[in-house]
Amino acid sequence: MSSYSNNVIKFLEKENIEPNNLDVFYQATTHKSFNGHEGKTFNYEKLEFLGDSILDFVVSSYIFYKNKESSQGELTRYRSSIVQTETLSEISKKIGLLKLLRTGPGQMHEEVIESTKVQADIFEAMIGAIFVDQGLIKVKKFIEEHLLSKINENNDLFITDSKDPKTELQEHFQSFSRENISYIVEEKGNKLFEAKAVHDKIVYGVGQGSSKKEAETNAAKNALKKLK
């Protein structure tokens, strides 16, 4: 057994998962730049697609029952604050998913592994793999343990009263300047955007996301962290 296979099995054991089909977990931890296994279609992209939908469903159900008096708009905002790319990437790093990721060699590996988008994608791909191999109950437990349980411990993950980061950042600068904050957004490829929050030609924050809006929000968040 290869060290890669052994590491995947150890990860599953840690998560109390007895796999029915290890191949689905190998696929969930294989980047498209890795061409050493069953051709170009053997990568995590389809599982990430599935996992993204499952994650939205589980989180939506959680906040729906937790906030019965909230409006649809508020529930949408709560969900967005929970399933951000940066949050999911941090979970991937914390639980050791990045150590399992197979990519192309050398510099390509470094570029892939350092991408916040990829880090978030592999978490969603693992969600998809657990659902396919174990079913909904098991995948809900995985999401609850690594994401939803943290909402009660860290209010930064569950924002009920705070303003949108872009609004808060704009109000900060409006308190002493007439010049508005602006965002420079660059598409990095593979559904990844990078935004810079700029005021008076100075970059205050940089953020990434799977959409321009998410990248701008993360840039504003990082700018606020520096200003506080």
C-alpha atoms as a PDB file:
ATOM      1  CA  MET A   1       0.000   0.000   0.000  1.00  0.00           C
ATOM      2  CA  SER A   2       1.374   3.427  -0.960  1.00  0.00           C
ATOM      3  CA  SER A   3       1.946   6.168   1.602  1.00  0.00           C
ATOM      4  CA  TYR A   4      -0.783   8.203  -0.142  1.00  0.00           C
ATOM      5  CA  SER A   5      -3.354   5.418   0.262  1.00  0.00           C
ATOM      6  CA  ASN A   6      -2.273   4.897   3.842  1.00  0.00           C
ATOM      7  CA  ASN A   7      -2.732   8.601   4.608  1.00  0.00           C
ATOM      8  CA  VAL A   8      -6.229   8.615   3.102  1.00  0.00           C
ATOM      9  CA  ILE A   9      -7.201   5.580   5.180  1.00  0.00           C
ATOM     10  CA  LYS A  10      -5.809   7.182   8.343  1.00  0.00           C
ATOM     11  CA  PHE A  11      -7.830  10.328   7.650  1.00  0.00           C
ATOM     12  CA  LEU A  12     -11.014   8.292   7.235  1.00  0.00           C
ATOM     13  CA  GLU A  13     -10.294   6.365  10.429  1.00  0.00           C
ATOM     14  CA  LYS A  14      -9.892   9.656  12.278  1.00  0.00           C
ATOM     15  CA  GLU A  15     -13.311  10.693  10.954  1.00  0.00           C
ATOM     16  CA  ASN A  16     -14.820   7.321  11.975  1.00  0.00           C
ATOM     17  CA  ILE A  17     -15.555   6.458   8.352  1.00  0.00           C
ATOM     18  CA  GLU A  18     -15.378   2.860   7.152  1.00  0.00           C
ATOM     19  CA  PRO A  19     -15.206   3.277   3.363  1.00  0.00           C
ATOM     20  CA  ASN A  20     -17.231   1.092   1.033  1.00  0.00           C
ATOM     21  CA  ASN A  21     -15.220   2.282  -1.971  1.00  0.00           C
ATOM     22  CA  LEU A  22     -11.830   3.891  -1.408  1.00  0.00           C
ATOM     23  CA  ASP A  23     -11.665   5.085  -5.017  1.00  0.00           C
ATOM     24  CA  VAL A  24     -14.238   7.801  -4.366  1.00  0.00           C
ATOM     25  CA  PHE A  25     -11.995   9.228  -1.634  1.00  0.00           C
ATOM     26  CA  TYR A  26      -8.945   8.968  -3.889  1.00  0.00           C
ATOM     27  CA  GLN A  27     -10.888  10.939  -6.488  1.00  0.00           C
ATOM     28  CA  ALA A  28     -11.886  13.562  -3.896  1.00  0.00           C
ATOM     29  CA  THR A  29      -8.217  14.210  -3.125  1.00  0.00           C
ATOM     30  CA  THR A  30      -6.923  14.324  -6.711  1.00  0.00           C
ATOM     31  CA  HIS A  31      -6.419  17.647  -8.526  1.00  0.00           C
ATOM     32  CA  LYS A  32      -6.874  17.791 -12.298  1.00  0.00           C
ATOM     33  CA  SER A  33      -3.150  18.550 -12.711  1.00  0.00           C
ATOM     34  CA  PHE A  34      -2.399  15.004 -11.537  1.00  0.00           C
ATOM     35  CA  ASN A  35      -2.515  12.642 -14.516  1.00  0.00           C
ATOM     36  CA  GLY A  36      -1.267   9.468 -12.899  1.00  0.00           C
ATOM     37  CA  HIS A  37      -4.621   7.764 -12.259  1.00  0.00           C
ATOM     38  CA  GLU A  38      -7.322   6.710 -14.716  1.00  0.00           C
ATOM     39  CA  GLY A  39      -7.069   9.673 -17.055  1.00  0.00           C
ATOM     40  CA  LYS A  40      -8.145  13.296 -17.011  1.00  0.00           C
ATOM     41  CA  THR A  41     -11.631  12.753 -15.563  1.00  0.00           C
ATOM     42  CA  PHE A  42     -10.343  11.226 -12.330  1.00  0.00           C
ATOM     43  CA  ASN A  43     -10.227  14.383 -10.206  1.00  0.00           C
ATOM     44  CA  TYR A  44     -12.286  16.052  -7.502  1.00  0.00           C
ATOM     45  CA  GLU A  45     -14.234  18.544  -9.657  1.00  0.00           C
ATOM     46  CA  LYS A  46     -17.501  16.567  -9.962  1.00  0.00           C
ATOM     47  CA  LEU A  47     -17.434  15.630  -6.284  1.00  0.00           C
ATOM     48  CA  GLU A  48     -16.806  19.282  -5.408  1.00  0.00           C
ATOM     49  CA  PHE A  49     -19.861  20.219  -7.492  1.00  0.00           C
ATOM     50  CA  LEU A  50     -21.961  17.732  -5.527  1.00  0.00           C
ATOM     51  CA  GLY A  51     -20.423  18.666  -2.181  1.00  0.00           C
ATOM     52  CA  ASP A  52     -21.110  22.355  -2.743  1.00  0.00           C
ATOM     53  CA  SER A  53     -24.837  21.663  -3.134  1.00  0.00           C
ATOM     54  CA  ILE A  54     -24.925  19.345  -0.117  1.00  0.00           C
ATOM     55  CA  LEU A  55     -23.113  21.912   2.023  1.00  0.00           C
ATOM     56  CA  ASP A  56     -25.604  24.612   1.044  1.00  0.00           C
ATOM     57  CA  PHE A  57     -28.504  22.285   1.888  1.00  0.00           C
ATOM     58  CA  VAL A  58     -27.151  21.279   5.309  1.00  0.00           C
ATOM     59  CA  VAL A  59     -26.214  24.838   6.298  1.00  0.00           C
ATOM     60  CA  SER A  60     -29.524  26.222   4.996  1.00  0.00           C
ATOM     61  CA  SER A  61     -31.467  23.659   7.044  1.00  0.00           C
ATOM     62  CA  TYR A  62     -29.437  24.478  10.140  1.00  0.00           C
ATOM     63  CA  ILE A  63     -29.956  28.244   9.995  1.00  0.00           C
ATOM     64  CA  PHE A  64     -33.621  27.849   8.972  1.00  0.00           C
ATOM     65  CA  TYR A  65     -34.478  25.983  12.177  1.00  0.00           C
ATOM     66  CA  LYS A  66     -32.113  28.019  14.348  1.00  0.00           C
ATOM     67  CA  ASN A  67     -33.527  31.389  13.224  1.00  0.00           C
ATOM     68  CA  LYS A  68     -37.256  30.879  12.749  1.00  0.00           C
ATOM     69  CA  GLU A  69     -38.028  34.590  13.040  1.00  0.00           C
ATOM     70  CA  SER A  70     -35.453  35.686  10.457  1.00  0.00           C
ATOM     71  CA  SER A  71     -36.379  36.852   6.965  1.00  0.00           C
ATOM     72  CA  GLN A  72     -35.285  35.120   3.776  1.00  0.00           C
ATOM     73  CA  GLY A  73     -32.723  37.852   3.166  1.00  0.00           C
ATOM     74  CA  GLU A  74     -31.268  37.446   6.651  1.00  0.00           C
ATOM     75  CA  LEU A  75     -31.037  33.673   6.244  1.00  0.00           C
ATOM     76  CA  THR A  76     -29.207  34.140   2.946  1.00  0.00           C
ATOM     77  CA  ARG A  77     -26.761  36.509   4.627  1.00  0.00           C
ATOM     78  CA  TYR A  78     -26.182  34.093   7.499  1.00  0.00           C
ATOM     79  CA  ARG A  79     -25.473  31.254   5.075  1.00  0.00           C
ATOM     80  CA  SER A  80     -23.075  33.402   3.054  1.00  0.00           C
ATOM     81  CA  SER A  81     -21.173  34.306   6.209  1.00  0.00           C
ATOM     82  CA  ILE A  82     -20.724  30.615   7.024  1.00  0.00           C
ATOM     83  CA  VAL A  83     -19.777  29.008   3.694  1.00  0.00           C
ATOM     84  CA  GLN A  84     -17.180  31.514   2.543  1.00  0.00           C
ATOM     85  CA  THR A  85     -14.160  30.241   0.634  1.00  0.00           C
ATOM     86  CA  GLU A  86     -11.713  31.427   3.283  1.00  0.00           C
ATOM     87  CA  THR A  87     -13.609  29.641   6.057  1.00  0.00           C
ATOM     88  CA  LEU A  88     -13.699  26.359   4.152  1.00  0.00           C
ATOM     89  CA  SER A  89     -10.009  26.629   3.253  1.00  0.00           C
ATOM     90  CA  GLU A  90      -9.120  27.044   6.928  1.00  0.00           C
ATOM     91  CA  ILE A  91     -11.075  23.899   7.778  1.00  0.00           C
ATOM     92  CA  SER A  92      -9.222  21.957   5.069  1.00  0.00           C
ATOM     93  CA  LYS A  93      -5.903  23.007   6.550  1.00  0.00           C
ATOM     94  CA  LYS A  94      -6.994  22.289  10.106  1.00  0.00           C
ATOM     95  CA  ILE A  95      -8.243  18.749   9.490  1.00  0.00           C
ATOM     96  CA  GLY A  96      -5.328  17.766   7.247  1.00  0.00           C
ATOM     97  CA  LEU A  97      -7.011  17.535   3.847  1.00  0.00           C
ATOM     98  CA  LEU A  98      -4.247  19.459   2.076  1.00  0.00           C
ATOM     99  CA  LYS A  99      -1.747  16.782   3.046  1.00  0.00           C
ATOM    100  CA  LEU A 100      -3.802  14.298   1.025  1.00  0.00           C
ATOM    101  CA  LEU A 101      -4.102  16.361  -2.160  1.00  0.00           C
ATOM    102  CA  ARG A 102      -2.443  14.857  -5.237  1.00  0.00           C
ATOM    103  CA  THR A 103      -1.323  17.394  -7.847  1.00  0.00           C
ATOM    104  CA  GLY A 104       1.184  17.846 -10.623  1.00  0.00           C
ATOM    105  CA  PRO A 105       4.860  17.875  -9.610  1.00  0.00           C
ATOM    106  CA  GLY A 106       7.188  20.608  -8.379  1.00  0.00           C
ATOM    107  CA  GLN A 107       6.155  24.235  -8.724  1.00  0.00           C
ATOM    108  CA  MET A 108       2.684  23.257  -9.933  1.00  0.00           C
ATOM    109  CA  HIS A 109       2.081  21.495  -6.612  1.00  0.00           C
ATOM    110  CA  GLU A 110       3.045  24.628  -4.675  1.00  0.00           C
ATOM    111  CA  GLU A 111       0.806  26.867  -6.790  1.00  0.00           C
ATOM    112  CA  VAL A 112      -2.178  24.542  -6.434  1.00  0.00           C
ATOM    113  CA  ILE A 113      -1.782  23.824  -2.730  1.00  0.00           C
ATOM    114  CA  GLU A 114      -1.508  27.534  -1.863  1.00  0.00           C
ATOM    115  CA  SER A 115      -4.757  28.471  -3.642  1.00  0.00           C
ATOM    116  CA  THR A 116      -7.522  29.394  -1.206  1.00  0.00           C
ATOM    117  CA  LYS A 117     -10.062  28.273  -3.811  1.00  0.00           C
ATOM    118  CA  VAL A 118      -8.474  24.814  -4.112  1.00  0.00           C
ATOM    119  CA  GLN A 119      -8.306  24.502  -0.331  1.00  0.00           C
ATOM    120  CA  ALA A 120     -12.044  25.185  -0.109  1.00  0.00           C
ATOM    121  CA  ASP A 121     -12.823  22.942  -3.083  1.00  0.00           C
ATOM    122  CA  ILE A 122     -11.180  19.887  -1.539  1.00  0.00           C
ATOM    123  CA  PHE A 123     -13.342  20.274   1.583  1.00  0.00           C
ATOM    124  CA  GLU A 124     -16.465  20.341  -0.593  1.00  0.00           C
ATOM    125  CA  ALA A 125     -15.142  17.396  -2.629  1.00  0.00           C
ATOM    126  CA  MET A 126     -14.702  15.385   0.564  1.00  0.00           C
ATOM    127  CA  ILE A 127     -18.295  16.235   1.499  1.00  0.00           C
ATOM    128  CA  GLY A 128     -19.372  14.901  -1.903  1.00  0.00           C
ATOM    129  CA  ALA A 129     -17.314  11.737  -1.446  1.00  0.00           C
ATOM    130  CA  ILE A 130     -18.705  11.033   2.018  1.00  0.00           C
ATOM    131  CA  PHE A 131     -22.246  11.499   0.705  1.00  0.00           C
ATOM    132  CA  VAL A 132     -21.668   9.108  -2.212  1.00  0.00           C
ATOM    133  CA  ASP A 133     -19.966   6.466  -0.055  1.00  0.00           C
ATOM    134  CA  GLN A 134     -21.757   6.863   3.287  1.00  0.00           C
ATOM    135  CA  GLY A 135     -25.017   8.742   2.747  1.00  0.00           C
ATOM    136  CA  LEU A 136     -26.635  11.893   4.094  1.00  0.00           C
ATOM    137  CA  ILE A 137     -26.564  11.142   7.836  1.00  0.00           C
ATOM    138  CA  LYS A 138     -22.804  10.623   7.866  1.00  0.00           C
ATOM    139  CA  VAL A 139     -22.052  13.680   5.752  1.00  0.00           C
ATOM    140  CA  LYS A 140     -24.279  15.853   7.964  1.00  0.00           C
ATOM    141  CA  LYS A 141     -22.269  14.694  10.969  1.00  0.00           C
ATOM    142  CA  PHE A 142     -19.025  15.614   9.162  1.00  0.00           C
ATOM    143  CA  ILE A 143     -20.308  19.117   8.358  1.00  0.00           C
ATOM    144  CA  GLU A 144     -21.710  19.621  11.849  1.00  0.00           C
ATOM    145  CA  GLU A 145     -18.450  18.596  13.503  1.00  0.00           C
ATOM    146  CA  HIS A 146     -16.117  20.692  11.387  1.00  0.00           C
ATOM    147  CA  LEU A 147     -18.279  23.716  10.530  1.00  0.00           C
ATOM    148  CA  LEU A 148     -21.646  24.076  12.252  1.00  0.00           C
ATOM    149  CA  SER A 149     -20.313  23.281  15.728  1.00  0.00           C
ATOM    150  CA  LYS A 150     -17.909  26.222  15.367  1.00  0.00           C
ATOM    151  CA  ILE A 151     -20.757  28.679  14.880  1.00  0.00           C
ATOM    152  CA  ASN A 152     -21.629  28.535  18.560  1.00  0.00           C
ATOM    153  CA  GLU A 153     -17.980  28.845  19.578  1.00  0.00           C
ATOM    154  CA  ASN A 154     -16.981  31.650  17.219  1.00  0.00           C
ATOM    155  CA  ASN A 155     -19.468  34.398  16.472  1.00  0.00           C
ATOM    156  CA  ASP A 156     -17.345  35.510  13.519  1.00  0.00           C
ATOM    157  CA  LEU A 157     -18.840  32.562  11.647  1.00  0.00           C
ATOM    158  CA  PHE A 158     -22.390  33.535  12.449  1.00  0.00           C
ATOM    159  CA  ILE A 159     -23.050  37.237  11.954  1.00  0.00           C
ATOM    160  CA  THR A 160     -26.512  38.349  13.036  1.00  0.00           C
ATOM    161  CA  ASP A 161     -26.100  42.033  13.783  1.00  0.00           C
ATOM    162  CA  SER A 162     -22.888  43.144  12.099  1.00  0.00           C
ATOM    163  CA  LYS A 163     -22.829  45.121   8.864  1.00  0.00           C
ATOM    164  CA  ASP A 164     -21.662  43.857   5.533  1.00  0.00           C
ATOM    165  CA  PRO A 165     -17.825  44.199   5.486  1.00  0.00           C
ATOM    166  CA  LYS A 166     -17.888  46.392   2.363  1.00  0.00           C
ATOM    167  CA  THR A 167     -20.393  48.745   3.986  1.00  0.00           C
ATOM    168  CA  GLU A 168     -18.398  48.873   7.212  1.00  0.00           C
ATOM    169  CA  LEU A 169     -15.173  49.599   5.339  1.00  0.00           C
ATOM    170  CA  GLN A 170     -16.841  52.329   3.269  1.00  0.00           C
ATOM    171  CA  GLU A 171     -18.228  53.987   6.406  1.00  0.00           C
ATOM    172  CA  HIS A 172     -14.783  53.877   8.004  1.00  0.00           C
ATOM    173  CA  PHE A 173     -13.239  55.914   5.195  1.00  0.00           C
ATOM    174  CA  GLN A 174     -16.251  58.218   4.845  1.00  0.00           C
ATOM    175  CA  SER A 175     -15.698  59.311   8.445  1.00  0.00           C
ATOM    176  CA  PHE A 176     -12.610  61.261   7.389  1.00  0.00           C
ATOM    177  CA  SER A 177     -12.454  61.255   3.573  1.00  0.00           C
ATOM    178  CA  ARG A 178     -14.676  62.089   0.626  1.00  0.00           C
ATOM    179  CA  GLU A 179     -13.008  59.489  -1.556  1.00  0.00           C
ATOM    180  CA  ASN A 180     -14.843  56.189  -1.837  1.00  0.00           C
ATOM    181  CA  ILE A 181     -13.254  52.789  -1.448  1.00  0.00           C
ATOM    182  CA  SER A 182     -12.753  50.992  -4.770  1.00  0.00           C
ATOM    183  CA  TYR A 183     -12.109  47.376  -5.713  1.00  0.00           C
ATOM    184  CA  ILE A 184      -9.757  46.069  -8.366  1.00  0.00           C
ATOM    185  CA  VAL A 185     -10.817  42.568  -9.351  1.00  0.00           C
ATOM    186  CA  GLU A 186      -8.734  40.136 -11.383  1.00  0.00           C
ATOM    187  CA  GLU A 187      -9.860  36.745 -12.628  1.00  0.00           C
ATOM    188  CA  LYS A 188      -7.212  34.155 -11.802  1.00  0.00           C
ATOM    189  CA  GLY A 189      -8.833  31.308 -13.728  1.00  0.00           C
ATOM    190  CA  ASN A 190     -10.705  28.166 -12.681  1.00  0.00           C
ATOM    191  CA  LYS A 191     -13.529  30.233 -11.140  1.00  0.00           C
ATOM    192  CA  LEU A 192     -11.137  32.108  -8.855  1.00  0.00           C
ATOM    193  CA  PHE A 193     -11.197  35.884  -8.439  1.00  0.00           C
ATOM    194  CA  GLU A 194      -8.831  38.132  -6.502  1.00  0.00           C
ATOM    195  CA  ALA A 195      -9.890  41.589  -5.318  1.00  0.00           C
ATOM    196  CA  LYS A 196      -7.930  44.491  -3.860  1.00  0.00           C
ATOM    197  CA  ALA A 197      -9.630  47.048  -1.606  1.00  0.00           C
ATOM    198  CA  VAL A 198      -8.097  50.402  -2.547  1.00  0.00           C
ATOM    199  CA  HIS A 199      -8.452  53.857  -1.014  1.00  0.00           C
ATOM    200  CA  ASP A 200      -6.447  56.859  -2.176  1.00  0.00           C
ATOM    201  CA  LYS A 201      -4.206  54.571  -4.268  1.00  0.00           C
ATOM    202  CA  ILE A 202      -3.315  52.446  -1.211  1.00  0.00           C
ATOM    203  CA  VAL A 203      -4.212  48.736  -1.088  1.00  0.00           C
ATOM    204  CA  TYR A 204      -5.692  48.003   2.337  1.00  0.00           C
ATOM    205  CA  GLY A 205      -6.822  44.431   1.796  1.00  0.00           C
ATOM    206  CA  VAL A 206      -6.661  41.539  -0.662  1.00  0.00           C
ATOM    207  CA  GLY A 207      -9.171  38.703  -0.851  1.00  0.00           C
ATOM    208  CA  GLN A 208     -10.055  35.736  -3.027  1.00  0.00           C
ATOM    209  CA  GLY A 209     -13.344  34.051  -3.822  1.00  0.00           C
ATOM    210  CA  SER A 210     -15.269  32.004  -6.342  1.00  0.00           C
ATOM    211  CA  SER A 211     -17.125  35.156  -7.475  1.00  0.00           C
ATOM    212  CA  LYS A 212     -16.262  38.839  -7.782  1.00  0.00           C
ATOM    213  CA  LYS A 213     -18.647  39.641  -4.934  1.00  0.00           C
ATOM    214  CA  GLU A 214     -17.078  37.112  -2.575  1.00  0.00           C
ATOM    215  CA  ALA A 215     -13.556  38.267  -3.460  1.00  0.00           C
ATOM    216  CA  GLU A 216     -14.500  41.905  -2.751  1.00  0.00           C
ATOM    217  CA  THR A 217     -16.132  40.933   0.548  1.00  0.00           C
ATOM    218  CA  ASN A 218     -13.027  39.039   1.641  1.00  0.00           C
ATOM    219  CA  ALA A 219     -10.812  41.948   0.603  1.00  0.00           C
ATOM    220  CA  ALA A 220     -12.951  44.271   2.738  1.00  0.00           C
ATOM    221  CA  LYS A 221     -12.760  41.842   5.669  1.00  0.00           C
ATOM    222  CA  ASN A 222      -8.982  41.694   5.476  1.00  0.00           C
ATOM    223  CA  ALA A 223      -8.783  45.477   5.213  1.00  0.00           C
ATOM    224  CA  LEU A 224     -10.909  45.855   8.351  1.00  0.00           C
ATOM    225  CA  LYS A 225      -8.643  43.447  10.229  1.00  0.00           C
ATOM    226  CA  LYS A 226      -5.631  45.620   9.422  1.00  0.00           C
ATOM    227  CA  LEU A 227      -7.419  48.814  10.410  1.00  0.00           C
ATOM    228  CA  LYS A 228      -8.632  47.533  13.796  1.00  0.00           C
END
